[in-house]
Amino acid sequence: AEKIKAITDLYDSIDVKACCENKIREYYEKGMECLEAV
């Protein structure tokens, strides 16, 4: 539990959650554009 909290706190302070969310959105939108082209 201590390791999970420490690493999660580091992720929060480095703001990698938003970075990952943006990358998810990028690939999701690329995929949906391909579906639109069908």
ModelCIF file with pLDDT and N, C-alpha, C, O atoms, coordinates in Angstrom:
data_MODEL
#
_entry.id   MODEL 
#
_entity.id                         1 
_entity.type                       polymer 
_entity.pdbx_number_of_molecules   1 
#
_entity_poly.entity_id                      1 
_entity_poly.type                           'polypeptide(L)' 
_entity_poly.nstd_linkage                   no 
_entity_poly.nstd_monomer                   no 
_entity_poly.pdbx_seq_one_letter_code       AEKIKAITDLYDSIDVKACCENKIREYYEKGMECLEAV 
_entity_poly.pdbx_seq_one_letter_code_can   AEKIKAITDLYDSIDVKACCENKIREYYEKGMECLEAV 
_entity_poly.pdbx_strand_id                 A 
#
loop_
_entity_poly_seq.entity_id 
_entity_poly_seq.num 
_entity_poly_seq.mon_id 
_entity_poly_seq.hetero 
1 1  ALA n 
1 2  GLU n 
1 3  LYS n 
1 4  ILE n 
1 5  LYS n 
1 6  ALA n 
1 7  ILE n 
1 8  THR n 
1 9  ASP n 
1 10 LEU n 
1 11 TYR n 
1 12 ASP n 
1 13 SER n 
1 14 ILE n 
1 15 ASP n 
1 16 VAL n 
1 17 LYS n 
1 18 ALA n 
1 19 CYS n 
1 20 CYS n 
1 21 GLU n 
1 22 ASN n 
1 23 LYS n 
1 24 ILE n 
1 25 ARG n 
1 26 GLU n 
1 27 TYR n 
1 28 TYR n 
1 29 GLU n 
1 30 LYS n 
1 31 GLY n 
1 32 MET n 
1 33 GLU n 
1 34 CYS n 
1 35 LEU n 
1 36 GLU n 
1 37 ALA n 
1 38 VAL n 
#
_struct_asym.id          A 
_struct_asym.entity_id   1 
#
loop_
_ma_qa_metric.id 
_ma_qa_metric.mode 
_ma_qa_metric.name 
_ma_qa_metric.software_group_id 
_ma_qa_metric.type 
1 global pLDDT . pLDDT 
2 local  pLDDT . pLDDT 
#
_ma_qa_metric_global.metric_id      1 
_ma_qa_metric_global.metric_value   97.24 
_ma_qa_metric_global.model_id       1 
_ma_qa_metric_global.ordinal_id     1 
#
loop_
_ma_qa_metric_local.label_asym_id 
_ma_qa_metric_local.label_comp_id 
_ma_qa_metric_local.label_seq_id 
_ma_qa_metric_local.metric_id 
_ma_qa_metric_local.metric_value 
_ma_qa_metric_local.model_id 
_ma_qa_metric_local.ordinal_id 
A ALA 1  2 95.00 1 1  
A GLU 2  2 96.00 1 2  
A LYS 3  2 97.00 1 3  
A ILE 4  2 96.00 1 4  
A LYS 5  2 96.00 1 5  
A ALA 6  2 97.00 1 6  
A ILE 7  2 97.00 1 7  
A THR 8  2 97.00 1 8  
A ASP 9  2 97.00 1 9  
A LEU 10 2 98.00 1 10 
A TYR 11 2 98.00 1 11 
A ASP 12 2 97.00 1 12 
A SER 13 2 97.00 1 13 
A ILE 14 2 98.00 1 14 
A ASP 15 2 97.00 1 15 
A VAL 16 2 97.00 1 16 
A LYS 17 2 97.00 1 17 
A ALA 18 2 97.00 1 18 
A CYS 19 2 97.00 1 19 
A CYS 20 2 98.00 1 20 
A GLU 21 2 97.00 1 21 
A ASN 22 2 97.00 1 22 
A LYS 23 2 98.00 1 23 
A ILE 24 2 97.00 1 24 
A ARG 25 2 97.00 1 25 
A GLU 26 2 98.00 1 26 
A TYR 27 2 98.00 1 27 
A TYR 28 2 97.00 1 28 
A GLU 29 2 97.00 1 29 
A LYS 30 2 98.00 1 30 
A GLY 31 2 98.00 1 31 
A MET 32 2 97.00 1 32 
A GLU 33 2 98.00 1 33 
A CYS 34 2 98.00 1 34 
A LEU 35 2 98.00 1 35 
A GLU 36 2 97.00 1 36 
A ALA 37 2 98.00 1 37 
A VAL 38 2 98.00 1 38 
#
loop_
_atom_site.group_PDB 
_atom_site.id 
_atom_site.type_symbol 
_atom_site.label_atom_id 
_atom_site.label_alt_id 
_atom_site.label_comp_id 
_atom_site.label_asym_id 
_atom_site.label_entity_id 
_atom_site.label_seq_id 
_atom_site.pdbx_PDB_ins_code 
_atom_site.Cartn_x 
_atom_site.Cartn_y 
_atom_site.Cartn_z 
_atom_site.occupancy 
_atom_site.B_iso_or_equiv 
_atom_site.pdbx_formal_charge 
_atom_site.auth_seq_id 
_atom_site.auth_comp_id 
_atom_site.auth_asym_id 
_atom_site.auth_atom_id 
_atom_site.pdbx_PDB_model_num 
ATOM 1   N N  . ALA A 1 1  ? 0.831   -1.214 0.000   1.00 95.00 ? 1  ALA A N  1 
ATOM 2   C CA . ALA A 1 1  ? 0.000   0.000  0.000   1.00 95.00 ? 1  ALA A CA 1 
ATOM 3   C C  . ALA A 1 1  ? 0.860   1.256  0.000   1.00 95.00 ? 1  ALA A C  1 
ATOM 4   O O  . ALA A 1 1  ? 0.504   2.269  -0.603  1.00 95.00 ? 1  ALA A O  1 
ATOM 5   N N  . GLU A 1 2  ? 1.992   1.177  0.682   1.00 96.00 ? 2  GLU A N  1 
ATOM 6   C CA . GLU A 1 2  ? 2.886   2.340  0.748   1.00 96.00 ? 2  GLU A CA 1 
ATOM 7   C C  . GLU A 1 2  ? 3.496   2.629  -0.625  1.00 96.00 ? 2  GLU A C  1 
ATOM 8   O O  . GLU A 1 2  ? 3.581   3.784  -1.042  1.00 96.00 ? 2  GLU A O  1 
ATOM 9   N N  . LYS A 1 3  ? 3.919   1.573  -1.322  1.00 97.00 ? 3  LYS A N  1 
ATOM 10  C CA . LYS A 1 3  ? 4.509   1.766  -2.645  1.00 97.00 ? 3  LYS A CA 1 
ATOM 11  C C  . LYS A 1 3  ? 3.466   2.296  -3.623  1.00 97.00 ? 3  LYS A C  1 
ATOM 12  O O  . LYS A 1 3  ? 3.750   3.210  -4.397  1.00 97.00 ? 3  LYS A O  1 
ATOM 13  N N  . ILE A 1 4  ? 2.281   1.737  -3.593  1.00 96.00 ? 4  ILE A N  1 
ATOM 14  C CA . ILE A 1 4  ? 1.228   2.197  -4.502  1.00 96.00 ? 4  ILE A CA 1 
ATOM 15  C C  . ILE A 1 4  ? 0.930   3.674  -4.273  1.00 96.00 ? 4  ILE A C  1 
ATOM 16  O O  . ILE A 1 4  ? 0.805   4.444  -5.225  1.00 96.00 ? 4  ILE A O  1 
ATOM 17  N N  . LYS A 1 5  ? 0.817   4.064  -3.004  1.00 96.00 ? 5  LYS A N  1 
ATOM 18  C CA . LYS A 1 5  ? 0.518   5.477  -2.705  1.00 96.00 ? 5  LYS A CA 1 
ATOM 19  C C  . LYS A 1 5  ? 1.664   6.379  -3.148  1.00 96.00 ? 5  LYS A C  1 
ATOM 20  O O  . LYS A 1 5  ? 1.430   7.431  -3.741  1.00 96.00 ? 5  LYS A O  1 
ATOM 21  N N  . ALA A 1 6  ? 2.903   5.975  -2.865  1.00 97.00 ? 6  ALA A N  1 
ATOM 22  C CA . ALA A 1 6  ? 4.057   6.815  -3.210  1.00 97.00 ? 6  ALA A CA 1 
ATOM 23  C C  . ALA A 1 6  ? 4.167   7.014  -4.723  1.00 97.00 ? 6  ALA A C  1 
ATOM 24  O O  . ALA A 1 6  ? 4.377   8.134  -5.189  1.00 97.00 ? 6  ALA A O  1 
ATOM 25  N N  . ILE A 1 7  ? 4.024   5.928  -5.491  1.00 97.00 ? 7  ILE A N  1 
ATOM 26  C CA . ILE A 1 7  ? 4.122   6.043  -6.947  1.00 97.00 ? 7  ILE A CA 1 
ATOM 27  C C  . ILE A 1 7  ? 2.944   6.838  -7.502  1.00 97.00 ? 7  ILE A C  1 
ATOM 28  O O  . ILE A 1 7  ? 3.117   7.654  -8.408  1.00 97.00 ? 7  ILE A O  1 
ATOM 29  N N  . THR A 1 8  ? 1.745   6.604  -6.962  1.00 97.00 ? 8  THR A N  1 
ATOM 30  C CA . THR A 1 8  ? 0.576   7.354  -7.424  1.00 97.00 ? 8  THR A CA 1 
ATOM 31  C C  . THR A 1 8  ? 0.736   8.837  -7.150  1.00 97.00 ? 8  THR A C  1 
ATOM 32  O O  . THR A 1 8  ? 0.387   9.670  -7.986  1.00 97.00 ? 8  THR A O  1 
ATOM 33  N N  . ASP A 1 9  ? 1.264   9.169  -5.975  1.00 97.00 ? 9  ASP A N  1 
ATOM 34  C CA . ASP A 1 9  ? 1.516   10.586 -5.651  1.00 97.00 ? 9  ASP A CA 1 
ATOM 35  C C  . ASP A 1 9  ? 2.513   11.199 -6.629  1.00 97.00 ? 9  ASP A C  1 
ATOM 36  O O  . ASP A 1 9  ? 2.363   12.352 -7.034  1.00 97.00 ? 9  ASP A O  1 
ATOM 37  N N  . LEU A 1 10 ? 3.530   10.430 -7.006  1.00 98.00 ? 10 LEU A N  1 
ATOM 38  C CA . LEU A 1 10 ? 4.495   10.921 -7.995  1.00 98.00 ? 10 LEU A CA 1 
ATOM 39  C C  . LEU A 1 10 ? 3.815   11.124 -9.348  1.00 98.00 ? 10 LEU A C  1 
ATOM 40  O O  . LEU A 1 10 ? 4.049   12.130 -10.017 1.00 98.00 ? 10 LEU A O  1 
ATOM 41  N N  . TYR A 1 11 ? 2.976   10.173 -9.748  1.00 98.00 ? 11 TYR A N  1 
ATOM 42  C CA . TYR A 1 11 ? 2.239   10.330 -11.003 1.00 98.00 ? 11 TYR A CA 1 
ATOM 43  C C  . TYR A 1 11 ? 1.396   11.604 -10.972 1.00 98.00 ? 11 TYR A C  1 
ATOM 44  O O  . TYR A 1 11 ? 1.314   12.331 -11.962 1.00 98.00 ? 11 TYR A O  1 
ATOM 45  N N  . ASP A 1 12 ? 0.774   11.864 -9.828  1.00 97.00 ? 12 ASP A N  1 
ATOM 46  C CA . ASP A 1 12 ? -0.053  13.074 -9.702  1.00 97.00 ? 12 ASP A CA 1 
ATOM 47  C C  . ASP A 1 12 ? 0.793   14.327 -9.843  1.00 97.00 ? 12 ASP A C  1 
ATOM 48  O O  . ASP A 1 12 ? 0.415   15.262 -10.550 1.00 97.00 ? 12 ASP A O  1 
ATOM 49  N N  . SER A 1 13 ? 1.929   14.348 -9.176  1.00 97.00 ? 13 SER A N  1 
ATOM 50  C CA . SER A 1 13 ? 2.764   15.555 -9.202  1.00 97.00 ? 13 SER A CA 1 
ATOM 51  C C  . SER A 1 13 ? 3.418   15.772 -10.567 1.00 97.00 ? 13 SER A C  1 
ATOM 52  O O  . SER A 1 13 ? 3.685   16.910 -10.954 1.00 97.00 ? 13 SER A O  1 
ATOM 53  N N  . ILE A 1 14 ? 3.675   14.692 -11.291 1.00 98.00 ? 14 ILE A N  1 
ATOM 54  C CA . ILE A 1 14 ? 4.269   14.801 -12.632 1.00 98.00 ? 14 ILE A CA 1 
ATOM 55  C C  . ILE A 1 14 ? 3.186   15.008 -13.694 1.00 98.00 ? 14 ILE A C  1 
ATOM 56  O O  . ILE A 1 14 ? 3.480   15.379 -14.831 1.00 98.00 ? 14 ILE A O  1 
ATOM 57  N N  . ASP A 1 15 ? 1.929   14.762 -13.307 1.00 97.00 ? 15 ASP A N  1 
ATOM 58  C CA . ASP A 1 15 ? 0.758   14.973 -14.170 1.00 97.00 ? 15 ASP A CA 1 
ATOM 59  C C  . ASP A 1 15 ? 0.739   14.025 -15.362 1.00 97.00 ? 15 ASP A C  1 
ATOM 60  O O  . ASP A 1 15 ? 0.429   14.422 -16.485 1.00 97.00 ? 15 ASP A O  1 
ATOM 61  N N  . VAL A 1 16 ? 1.074   12.765 -15.100 1.00 97.00 ? 16 VAL A N  1 
ATOM 62  C CA . VAL A 1 16 ? 1.045   11.801 -16.202 1.00 97.00 ? 16 VAL A CA 1 
ATOM 63  C C  . VAL A 1 16 ? -0.372  11.287 -16.463 1.00 97.00 ? 16 VAL A C  1 
ATOM 64  O O  . VAL A 1 16 ? -0.632  10.729 -17.530 1.00 97.00 ? 16 VAL A O  1 
ATOM 65  N N  . LYS A 1 17 ? -1.285  11.462 -15.520 1.00 97.00 ? 17 LYS A N  1 
ATOM 66  C CA . LYS A 1 17 ? -2.661  11.018 -15.759 1.00 97.00 ? 17 LYS A CA 1 
ATOM 67  C C  . LYS A 1 17 ? -3.255  11.775 -16.951 1.00 97.00 ? 17 LYS A C  1 
ATOM 68  O O  . LYS A 1 17 ? -3.823  11.168 -17.860 1.00 97.00 ? 17 LYS A O  1 
ATOM 69  N N  . ALA A 1 18 ? -3.116  13.108 -16.938 1.00 97.00 ? 18 ALA A N  1 
ATOM 70  C CA . ALA A 1 18 ? -3.646  13.910 -18.043 1.00 97.00 ? 18 ALA A CA 1 
ATOM 71  C C  . ALA A 1 18 ? -2.947  13.570 -19.349 1.00 97.00 ? 18 ALA A C  1 
ATOM 72  O O  . ALA A 1 18 ? -3.569  13.565 -20.411 1.00 97.00 ? 18 ALA A O  1 
ATOM 73  N N  . CYS A 1 19 ? -1.654  13.286 -19.268 1.00 97.00 ? 19 CYS A N  1 
ATOM 74  C CA . CYS A 1 19 ? -0.887  12.910 -20.459 1.00 97.00 ? 19 CYS A CA 1 
ATOM 75  C C  . CYS A 1 19 ? -1.448  11.625 -21.066 1.00 97.00 ? 19 CYS A C  1 
ATOM 76  O O  . CYS A 1 19 ? -1.611  11.522 -22.282 1.00 97.00 ? 19 CYS A O  1 
ATOM 77  N N  . CYS A 1 20 ? -1.742  10.646 -20.205 1.00 98.00 ? 20 CYS A N  1 
ATOM 78  C CA . CYS A 1 20 ? -2.289  9.378  -20.664 1.00 98.00 ? 20 CYS A CA 1 
ATOM 79  C C  . CYS A 1 20 ? -3.704  9.566  -21.216 1.00 98.00 ? 20 CYS A C  1 
ATOM 80  O O  . CYS A 1 20 ? -4.049  8.993  -22.251 1.00 98.00 ? 20 CYS A O  1 
ATOM 81  N N  . GLU A 1 21 ? -4.515  10.359 -20.535 1.00 97.00 ? 21 GLU A N  1 
ATOM 82  C CA . GLU A 1 21 ? -5.875  10.618 -21.003 1.00 97.00 ? 21 GLU A CA 1 
ATOM 83  C C  . GLU A 1 21 ? -5.874  11.265 -22.382 1.00 97.00 ? 21 GLU A C  1 
ATOM 84  O O  . GLU A 1 21 ? -6.708  10.935 -23.226 1.00 97.00 ? 21 GLU A O  1 
ATOM 85  N N  . ASN A 1 22 ? -4.946  12.183 -22.612 1.00 97.00 ? 22 ASN A N  1 
ATOM 86  C CA . ASN A 1 22 ? -4.849  12.829 -23.920 1.00 97.00 ? 22 ASN A CA 1 
ATOM 87  C C  . ASN A 1 22 ? -4.454  11.839 -25.009 1.00 97.00 ? 22 ASN A C  1 
ATOM 88  O O  . ASN A 1 22 ? -4.949  11.908 -26.134 1.00 97.00 ? 22 ASN A O  1 
ATOM 89  N N  . LYS A 1 23 ? -3.553  10.916 -24.664 1.00 98.00 ? 23 LYS A N  1 
ATOM 90  C CA . LYS A 1 23 ? -3.112  9.919  -25.648 1.00 98.00 ? 23 LYS A CA 1 
ATOM 91  C C  . LYS A 1 23 ? -4.249  8.933  -25.953 1.00 98.00 ? 23 LYS A C  1 
ATOM 92  O O  . LYS A 1 23 ? -4.431  8.531  -27.102 1.00 98.00 ? 23 LYS A O  1 
ATOM 93  N N  . ILE A 1 24 ? -5.001  8.549  -24.935 1.00 97.00 ? 24 ILE A N  1 
ATOM 94  C CA . ILE A 1 24 ? -6.166  7.685  -25.148 1.00 97.00 ? 24 ILE A CA 1 
ATOM 95  C C  . ILE A 1 24 ? -7.137  8.354  -26.105 1.00 97.00 ? 24 ILE A C  1 
ATOM 96  O O  . ILE A 1 24 ? -7.618  7.731  -27.051 1.00 97.00 ? 24 ILE A O  1 
ATOM 97  N N  . ARG A 1 25 ? -7.425  9.632  -25.853 1.00 97.00 ? 25 ARG A N  1 
ATOM 98  C CA . ARG A 1 25 ? -8.364  10.380 -26.689 1.00 97.00 ? 25 ARG A CA 1 
ATOM 99  C C  . ARG A 1 25 ? -7.842  10.462 -28.128 1.00 97.00 ? 25 ARG A C  1 
ATOM 100 O O  . ARG A 1 25 ? -8.615  10.349 -29.079 1.00 97.00 ? 25 ARG A O  1 
ATOM 101 N N  . GLU A 1 26 ? -6.552  10.656 -28.278 1.00 98.00 ? 26 GLU A N  1 
ATOM 102 C CA . GLU A 1 26 ? -5.951  10.769 -29.611 1.00 98.00 ? 26 GLU A CA 1 
ATOM 103 C C  . GLU A 1 26 ? -6.174  9.491  -30.417 1.00 98.00 ? 26 GLU A C  1 
ATOM 104 O O  . GLU A 1 26 ? -6.596  9.550  -31.572 1.00 98.00 ? 26 GLU A O  1 
ATOM 105 N N  . TYR A 1 27 ? -5.892  8.341  -29.816 1.00 98.00 ? 27 TYR A N  1 
ATOM 106 C CA . TYR A 1 27 ? -6.046  7.082  -30.547 1.00 98.00 ? 27 TYR A CA 1 
ATOM 107 C C  . TYR A 1 27 ? -7.516  6.726  -30.742 1.00 98.00 ? 27 TYR A C  1 
ATOM 108 O O  . TYR A 1 27 ? -7.894  6.182  -31.780 1.00 98.00 ? 27 TYR A O  1 
ATOM 109 N N  . TYR A 1 28 ? -8.332  7.027  -29.759 1.00 97.00 ? 28 TYR A N  1 
ATOM 110 C CA . TYR A 1 28 ? -9.767  6.769  -29.906 1.00 97.00 ? 28 TYR A CA 1 
ATOM 111 C C  . TYR A 1 28 ? -10.335 7.577  -31.076 1.00 97.00 ? 28 TYR A C  1 
ATOM 112 O O  . TYR A 1 28 ? -11.097 7.046  -31.884 1.00 97.00 ? 28 TYR A O  1 
ATOM 113 N N  . GLU A 1 29 ? -9.971  8.840  -31.166 1.00 97.00 ? 29 GLU A N  1 
ATOM 114 C CA . GLU A 1 29 ? -10.477 9.686  -32.247 1.00 97.00 ? 29 GLU A CA 1 
ATOM 115 C C  . GLU A 1 29 ? -9.958  9.223  -33.604 1.00 97.00 ? 29 GLU A C  1 
ATOM 116 O O  . GLU A 1 29 ? -10.689 9.267  -34.594 1.00 97.00 ? 29 GLU A O  1 
ATOM 117 N N  . LYS A 1 30 ? -8.703  8.781  -33.660 1.00 98.00 ? 30 LYS A N  1 
ATOM 118 C CA . LYS A 1 30 ? -8.176  8.226  -34.917 1.00 98.00 ? 30 LYS A CA 1 
ATOM 119 C C  . LYS A 1 30 ? -8.996  7.013  -35.345 1.00 98.00 ? 30 LYS A C  1 
ATOM 120 O O  . LYS A 1 30 ? -9.338  6.865  -36.519 1.00 98.00 ? 30 LYS A O  1 
ATOM 121 N N  . GLY A 1 31 ? -9.305  6.152  -34.385 1.00 98.00 ? 31 GLY A N  1 
ATOM 122 C CA . GLY A 1 31 ? -10.098 4.976  -34.688 1.00 98.00 ? 31 GLY A CA 1 
ATOM 123 C C  . GLY A 1 31 ? -11.480 5.328  -35.199 1.00 98.00 ? 31 GLY A C  1 
ATOM 124 O O  . GLY A 1 31 ? -11.952 4.741  -36.173 1.00 98.00 ? 31 GLY A O  1 
ATOM 125 N N  . MET A 1 32 ? -12.133 6.282  -34.552 1.00 97.00 ? 32 MET A N  1 
ATOM 126 C CA . MET A 1 32 ? -13.479 6.657  -34.960 1.00 97.00 ? 32 MET A CA 1 
ATOM 127 C C  . MET A 1 32 ? -13.479 7.330  -36.332 1.00 97.00 ? 32 MET A C  1 
ATOM 128 O O  . MET A 1 32 ? -14.450 7.206  -37.078 1.00 97.00 ? 32 MET A O  1 
ATOM 129 N N  . GLU A 1 33 ? -12.407 8.036  -36.670 1.00 98.00 ? 33 GLU A N  1 
ATOM 130 C CA . GLU A 1 33 ? -12.289 8.610  -38.014 1.00 98.00 ? 33 GLU A CA 1 
ATOM 131 C C  . GLU A 1 33 ? -12.226 7.505  -39.069 1.00 98.00 ? 33 GLU A C  1 
ATOM 132 O O  . GLU A 1 33 ? -12.798 7.635  -40.151 1.00 98.00 ? 33 GLU A O  1 
ATOM 133 N N  . CYS A 1 34 ? -11.521 6.412  -38.739 1.00 98.00 ? 34 CYS A N  1 
ATOM 134 C CA . CYS A 1 34 ? -11.447 5.288  -39.682 1.00 98.00 ? 34 CYS A CA 1 
ATOM 135 C C  . CYS A 1 34 ? -12.817 4.637  -39.843 1.00 98.00 ? 34 CYS A C  1 
ATOM 136 O O  . CYS A 1 34 ? -13.191 4.243  -40.947 1.00 98.00 ? 34 CYS A O  1 
ATOM 137 N N  . LEU A 1 35 ? -13.565 4.523  -38.745 1.00 98.00 ? 35 LEU A N  1 
ATOM 138 C CA . LEU A 1 35 ? -14.906 3.945  -38.836 1.00 98.00 ? 35 LEU A CA 1 
ATOM 139 C C  . LEU A 1 35 ? -15.813 4.839  -39.675 1.00 98.00 ? 35 LEU A C  1 
ATOM 140 O O  . LEU A 1 35 ? -16.636 4.342  -40.443 1.00 98.00 ? 35 LEU A O  1 
ATOM 141 N N  . GLU A 1 36 ? -15.668 6.145  -39.533 1.00 97.00 ? 36 GLU A N  1 
ATOM 142 C CA . GLU A 1 36 ? -16.462 7.077  -40.346 1.00 97.00 ? 36 GLU A CA 1 
ATOM 143 C C  . GLU A 1 36 ? -16.197 6.875  -41.837 1.00 97.00 ? 36 GLU A C  1 
ATOM 144 O O  . GLU A 1 36 ? -17.084 7.087  -42.664 1.00 97.00 ? 36 GLU A O  1 
ATOM 145 N N  . ALA A 1 37 ? -14.977 6.465  -42.177 1.00 98.00 ? 37 ALA A N  1 
ATOM 146 C CA . ALA A 1 37 ? -14.603 6.308  -43.587 1.00 98.00 ? 37 ALA A CA 1 
ATOM 147 C C  . ALA A 1 37 ? -15.152 5.022  -44.206 1.00 98.00 ? 37 ALA A C  1 
ATOM 148 O O  . ALA A 1 37 ? -15.091 4.845  -45.423 1.00 98.00 ? 37 ALA A O  1 
ATOM 149 N N  . VAL A 1 38 ? -15.687 4.127  -43.378 1.00 98.00 ? 38 VAL A N  1 
ATOM 150 C CA . VAL A 1 38 ? -16.255 2.874  -43.904 1.00 98.00 ? 38 VAL A CA 1 
ATOM 151 C C  . VAL A 1 38 ? -17.547 3.203  -44.649 1.00 98.00 ? 38 VAL A C  1 
ATOM 152 O O  . VAL A 1 38 ? -18.200 2.304  -45.177 1.00 98.00 ? 38 VAL A O  1 
#
